[in-house]
Each structure stands twice: as C-alpha cells, then as structure tokens.
Amino acid sequence: MLMRRKQWYQRRVRGGFTARHERTNNHLSVYQDYLSFVEGVIADMGFRCERDVMRIPSTKRTSFVSNGPQTGVSLVERGAEVAERYSSSQTIVERKWSIPVRNGTKVDRDLCRRIVDIAASYLLRNVRTDQEEWSAGEGATFGELVAHIRTQVDFGGELRQQNGGIQTILKNCHQVFVVRDGVVSIRDWRDQGRRVRRRAVHKKYDSGALAKTKECWFHNHHPQGCVTVNCTYAHGKEELVIL
C-alpha cells in the first residue's frame, strides 16, 4: 500500500488536521518534520511502513510503503481514535481532488473578445488612419482602463472567480497588449521583432508550420493596419490557412 503526503489529511497545527503543519522538531527541516508526523499517523493507524524515494523529477518524492495493517486491527475504530487524538474535533476535511482553473483561460471567449476590443479602442482612440507613421496609441493605467471597460460590460460574477480578473485577460492576450508597472499599452511589434530574431535560434519547434492559421488582430482592428513586415498571421480571409 502506497501512502503519500497530501492524499487524505490536511496538515495539522497544534495537534489538528485542519490547518498547516507546525514544526515540532527544530533540528529537522520543515519537510522532514512533516514526514515524521505523517509516519507517526501511519503507525497510529496500525500500519508497518518504510520510507522509499521515488524516481521522479521532484524534490518532494518521499513515499511510505506498507504491506498492510497489523493483524487484528480495525481500521474504522482505529481511524476514529486517531482522528479524535489529533484533531480538535472529529471532522476531517478532505482535500479537493480537482483544482479549479482560475487563470482566465476558461472565461467565455465572447466576453474576453469584448474586453479586448473595448480596451484596444480606448488605447487607440487618438490614432488616425491618415497619420504618416504607425502609432501604438497611448498607454493607460490599469485602474483607468478597468473603469472604462466596466461602463460597457457587465461582468457579473464570472471574472470575480479568476485570479487577477481583467488584468489576467489582458495579459493572456500578450500579442496585443503590454502590461508593465500597472500601465497597459498596445504592443509595438517593430521593437519585439528585433528581440524575437535574436532568440529564434533557441526555438524547439517550427513556427512556420502555423503561419497564416490565425487572422491578424492588427490588420482587422488597428486604424492603420498591421505594421509587421512578413507577418505570420493572415491578413484577410483569403490568406487564412485551415489545418
């Protein structure tokens, strides 16, 4: 039987299972002290176990291996005794097996598209099509931009469940926006192109295979179009490649 840490019980504090583990032996590291606590719980449950180190790429790879409980041990009764001994109450809270995704990638795409379009329109509000030089518009503080977006979009509770909210949505759209020091601006790919060319030798995949498979946001939304030379995105439906 293989028992690993974090599988059933939460870390204890002052003899409980309901909070983080508190060190009891300052001569050991936090991790080794926690393993000693887990080993003590296993022994109290009536199992003879040995430590083993798994061959996996991780710094936390210690496991406890056992052939089973001792003869005549009732796991139900022993479990109740252990729970009462280590917990302030007899309620054991199990860890959730699934972790909710809160990085903005599961937000409705139509909502994300509206946020991106409104933010970009605000940053490009003073850019004219008859300007001689291509312009990336003006930067805006994150608070200013969020206040403007909120006047046009009703988020409800969908974005409140995401870590970072609107800022996460804008950062995920890194082809269009640059978020730095609380200021949001349109990305100027003329500068980015020089950096990308210096790093191109380190790529582990052929980006040319994905060329023209998506439409260029700048070609469709920027008042002056796309400024990138040899853009890898499709400029119009006629250039779009369907994989």
Protein backbone atom coordinates (compact mmCIF):
# COMPACT_ATOMS: atom_id res chain seq x y z
CA MET A 1 0.00 0.00 0.00
CA LEU A 2 1.43 3.35 -1.04
CA MET A 3 0.58 6.37 1.08
CA ARG A 4 1.82 9.76 0.01
CA ARG A 5 1.60 13.10 1.72
CA LYS A 6 -1.37 15.38 0.97
CA GLN A 7 -3.52 12.39 -0.01
CA TRP A 8 -6.19 12.32 2.69
CA TYR A 9 -5.42 14.59 5.60
CA GLN A 10 -4.67 18.26 5.66
CA ARG A 11 -1.61 19.43 7.51
CA ARG A 12 -2.10 19.83 11.21
CA VAL A 13 -1.43 22.70 13.60
CA ARG A 14 -1.11 22.13 17.34
CA GLY A 15 -2.33 18.55 17.09
CA GLY A 16 -5.06 19.07 14.47
CA PHE A 17 -5.68 18.13 10.83
CA THR A 18 -7.43 21.35 9.80
CA ALA A 19 -4.55 23.76 9.06
CA ARG A 20 -0.90 23.97 8.09
CA HIS A 21 1.66 21.77 9.79
CA GLU A 22 3.60 23.35 12.67
CA ARG A 23 7.14 22.19 13.29
CA THR A 24 7.76 20.19 16.45
CA ASN A 25 11.47 19.42 15.95
CA ASN A 26 13.73 22.35 15.09
CA HIS A 27 16.63 20.00 14.40
CA LEU A 28 14.84 18.77 11.25
CA SER A 29 13.79 20.66 8.13
CA VAL A 30 10.12 21.57 7.73
CA TYR A 31 9.66 18.80 5.14
CA GLN A 32 11.41 16.11 7.22
CA ASP A 33 9.48 17.15 10.32
CA TYR A 34 6.24 16.88 8.35
CA LEU A 35 7.23 13.42 7.09
CA SER A 36 7.85 12.33 10.68
CA PHE A 37 4.37 13.50 11.58
CA VAL A 38 2.84 11.53 8.68
CA GLU A 39 4.85 8.46 9.65
CA GLY A 40 3.50 8.77 13.19
CA VAL A 41 -0.08 8.90 11.94
CA ILE A 42 0.54 5.80 9.82
CA ALA A 43 1.95 3.94 12.83
CA ASP A 44 -1.02 5.01 14.96
CA MET A 45 -3.33 3.56 12.31
CA GLY A 46 -1.65 0.18 12.78
CA PHE A 47 0.50 0.00 9.64
CA ARG A 48 4.11 -1.12 9.49
CA CYS A 49 5.70 1.12 6.87
CA GLU A 50 9.06 2.00 5.39
CA ARG A 51 10.21 5.12 3.62
CA ASP A 52 11.09 5.00 -0.04
CA VAL A 53 12.31 7.60 -2.54
CA MET A 54 10.52 7.56 -5.88
CA ARG A 55 12.43 8.08 -9.12
CA ILE A 56 10.53 11.12 -10.32
CA PRO A 57 11.76 14.64 -11.19
CA SER A 58 10.65 16.26 -7.95
CA THR A 59 12.18 17.44 -4.70
CA LYS A 60 9.20 16.04 -2.75
CA ARG A 61 9.46 12.37 -3.72
CA THR A 62 9.45 10.55 -0.37
CA SER A 63 6.74 7.91 -0.04
CA PHE A 64 5.62 5.42 2.61
CA VAL A 65 5.29 1.77 1.58
CA SER A 66 3.36 -0.80 3.62
CA ASN A 67 2.15 -4.36 3.11
CA GLY A 68 -0.99 -3.72 5.12
CA PRO A 69 -2.19 -3.17 8.68
CA GLN A 70 -1.24 -5.33 11.59
CA THR A 71 -3.35 -8.41 12.26
CA GLY A 72 -6.50 -7.79 14.25
CA VAL A 73 -6.55 -4.01 13.69
CA SER A 74 -9.95 -2.49 12.95
CA LEU A 75 -9.24 0.46 10.66
CA VAL A 76 -12.65 2.03 11.32
CA GLU A 77 -12.24 2.05 15.10
CA ARG A 78 -8.55 2.95 14.92
CA GLY A 79 -9.31 5.77 12.46
CA ALA A 80 -11.87 7.27 14.86
CA GLU A 81 -9.35 7.11 17.71
CA VAL A 82 -6.61 8.75 15.63
CA ALA A 83 -8.95 11.46 14.40
CA GLU A 84 -10.05 12.26 17.93
CA ARG A 85 -6.48 12.28 19.18
CA TYR A 86 -5.02 14.57 16.51
CA SER A 87 -7.96 16.87 15.83
CA SER A 88 -9.72 19.44 17.92
CA SER A 89 -12.97 17.99 16.52
CA GLN A 90 -13.83 14.72 14.84
CA THR A 91 -14.47 16.39 11.50
CA ILE A 92 -11.81 15.55 8.90
CA VAL A 93 -11.75 17.80 5.82
CA GLU A 94 -10.50 16.02 2.71
CA ARG A 95 -8.52 17.92 0.12
CA LYS A 96 -10.23 18.51 -3.20
CA TRP A 97 -9.01 16.18 -5.91
CA SER A 98 -9.62 18.73 -8.70
CA ILE A 99 -8.17 22.25 -8.66
CA PRO A 100 -10.36 24.92 -10.29
CA VAL A 101 -8.73 26.77 -13.20
CA ARG A 102 -8.62 30.49 -12.41
CA ASN A 103 -6.07 31.85 -14.87
CA GLY A 104 -8.64 33.38 -17.21
CA THR A 105 -8.42 30.65 -19.87
CA LYS A 106 -11.88 29.26 -19.06
CA VAL A 107 -13.72 32.59 -19.28
CA ASP A 108 -16.30 32.86 -22.06
CA ARG A 109 -14.48 33.75 -25.29
CA ASP A 110 -17.09 36.26 -26.39
CA LEU A 111 -16.64 38.12 -23.10
CA CYS A 112 -12.84 38.08 -23.49
CA ARG A 113 -13.18 39.36 -27.06
CA ARG A 114 -15.38 42.24 -25.94
CA ILE A 115 -12.93 43.20 -23.18
CA VAL A 116 -10.01 43.15 -25.63
CA ASP A 117 -11.87 45.22 -28.24
CA ILE A 118 -13.03 47.84 -25.72
CA ALA A 119 -9.57 48.15 -24.15
CA ALA A 120 -7.85 48.43 -27.53
CA SER A 121 -10.34 51.02 -28.80
CA TYR A 122 -9.69 53.14 -25.72
CA LEU A 123 -5.91 52.98 -26.14
CA LEU A 124 -6.16 53.77 -29.88
CA ARG A 125 -8.81 56.48 -29.58
CA ASN A 126 -6.46 59.24 -30.80
CA VAL A 127 -4.89 57.29 -33.68
CA ARG A 128 -5.98 58.44 -37.16
CA THR A 129 -5.80 56.48 -40.37
CA ASP A 130 -4.13 59.40 -42.21
CA GLN A 131 -1.12 59.54 -39.87
CA GLU A 132 2.16 59.02 -41.72
CA GLU A 133 3.90 57.00 -39.02
CA TRP A 134 2.35 53.92 -37.45
CA SER A 135 1.28 54.61 -33.86
CA ALA A 136 0.73 52.26 -30.92
CA GLY A 137 -1.63 54.77 -29.31
CA GLU A 138 -1.45 55.90 -25.72
CA GLY A 139 -0.89 53.96 -22.53
CA ALA A 140 -3.38 53.97 -19.69
CA THR A 141 -3.21 52.96 -16.07
CA PHE A 142 -4.87 49.71 -15.24
CA GLY A 143 -7.42 51.40 -12.96
CA GLU A 144 -8.37 53.90 -15.68
CA LEU A 145 -8.81 51.15 -18.25
CA VAL A 146 -10.87 48.94 -15.94
CA ALA A 147 -13.18 51.84 -15.09
CA HIS A 148 -13.78 52.44 -18.80
CA ILE A 149 -14.44 48.75 -19.51
CA ARG A 150 -16.90 48.49 -16.63
CA THR A 151 -19.06 51.22 -18.18
CA GLN A 152 -19.72 48.97 -21.19
CA VAL A 153 -19.51 45.39 -19.90
CA ASP A 154 -21.46 43.73 -17.10
CA PHE A 155 -19.12 41.05 -15.77
CA GLY A 156 -21.41 39.56 -13.16
CA GLY A 157 -19.52 37.05 -11.03
CA GLU A 158 -17.62 35.37 -13.82
CA LEU A 159 -14.42 37.43 -13.54
CA ARG A 160 -14.52 37.61 -9.75
CA GLN A 161 -13.66 33.91 -9.67
CA GLN A 162 -10.49 34.48 -11.73
CA ASN A 163 -7.13 35.35 -10.23
CA GLY A 164 -6.42 38.88 -11.42
CA GLY A 165 -9.73 39.47 -13.23
CA ILE A 166 -9.46 41.85 -16.18
CA GLN A 167 -5.69 42.15 -15.79
CA THR A 168 -5.36 38.40 -16.35
CA ILE A 169 -7.48 38.62 -19.52
CA LEU A 170 -5.29 41.40 -20.93
CA LYS A 171 -2.05 39.62 -20.01
CA ASN A 172 -3.27 36.44 -21.68
CA CYS A 173 -3.70 38.45 -24.89
CA HIS A 174 0.01 39.25 -24.97
CA GLN A 175 0.08 39.56 -28.77
CA VAL A 176 -1.94 42.77 -28.46
CA PHE A 177 -1.18 44.29 -25.05
CA VAL A 178 1.81 45.05 -22.88
CA VAL A 179 1.11 45.26 -19.13
CA ARG A 180 4.03 46.72 -17.23
CA ASP A 181 4.15 48.53 -13.88
CA GLY A 182 0.39 48.98 -13.83
CA VAL A 183 0.28 50.60 -17.29
CA VAL A 184 -1.42 48.94 -20.27
CA SER A 185 -0.40 49.77 -23.84
CA ILE A 186 -0.64 48.33 -27.34
CA ARG A 187 2.35 46.17 -28.26
CA ASP A 188 4.65 47.58 -30.93
CA TRP A 189 5.90 44.57 -32.87
CA ARG A 190 8.61 46.61 -34.58
CA ASP A 191 10.57 46.51 -31.33
CA GLN A 192 9.51 42.98 -30.46
CA GLY A 193 10.63 41.68 -33.85
CA ARG A 194 14.27 42.54 -33.16
CA ARG A 195 14.17 40.65 -29.86
CA VAL A 196 12.43 37.64 -31.40
CA ARG A 197 15.03 37.36 -34.15
CA ARG A 198 17.83 37.22 -31.57
CA ARG A 199 16.08 34.36 -29.75
CA ALA A 200 14.98 32.46 -32.85
CA VAL A 201 17.95 30.06 -32.70
CA HIS A 202 16.66 28.64 -29.38
CA LYS A 203 13.23 27.59 -30.67
CA LYS A 204 12.39 23.90 -30.27
CA TYR A 205 9.51 23.87 -32.77
CA ASP A 206 8.84 25.04 -36.31
CA SER A 207 6.65 28.12 -36.03
CA GLY A 208 6.46 28.29 -39.82
CA ALA A 209 4.05 25.34 -39.80
CA LEU A 210 1.48 27.54 -38.02
CA ALA A 211 1.89 30.57 -40.30
CA LYS A 212 -1.35 32.17 -41.55
CA THR A 213 -3.51 29.82 -39.46
CA LYS A 214 -4.97 32.75 -37.46
CA GLU A 215 -6.13 36.18 -38.51
CA CYS A 216 -4.00 39.19 -37.62
CA TRP A 217 -5.60 41.27 -34.90
CA PHE A 218 -3.81 44.45 -36.00
CA HIS A 219 -4.91 44.05 -39.61
CA ASN A 220 -8.55 43.73 -38.51
CA HIS A 221 -8.72 46.25 -35.64
CA HIS A 222 -5.88 48.79 -35.74
CA PRO A 223 -6.81 52.00 -37.62
CA GLN A 224 -3.51 51.89 -39.51
CA GLY A 225 -3.42 48.14 -40.02
CA CYS A 226 -0.51 45.83 -39.31
CA VAL A 227 2.99 47.27 -39.26
CA THR A 228 4.84 43.95 -39.05
CA VAL A 229 6.94 43.01 -42.07
CA ASN A 230 6.26 39.44 -43.25
CA CYS A 231 3.52 38.98 -40.66
CA THR A 232 2.88 35.31 -39.84
CA TYR A 233 -0.83 35.99 -39.29
CA ALA A 234 -3.39 36.05 -42.09
CA HIS A 235 -4.34 39.45 -43.47
CA GLY A 236 -7.85 38.66 -44.60
CA LYS A 237 -9.87 35.51 -45.19
CA GLU A 238 -8.09 34.82 -48.49
CA GLU A 239 -4.76 34.26 -46.69
CA LEU A 240 -6.19 32.12 -43.90
CA VAL A 241 -4.87 28.55 -43.85
CA ILE A 242 -7.18 25.88 -42.41
CA LEU A 243 -5.34 22.99 -40.75
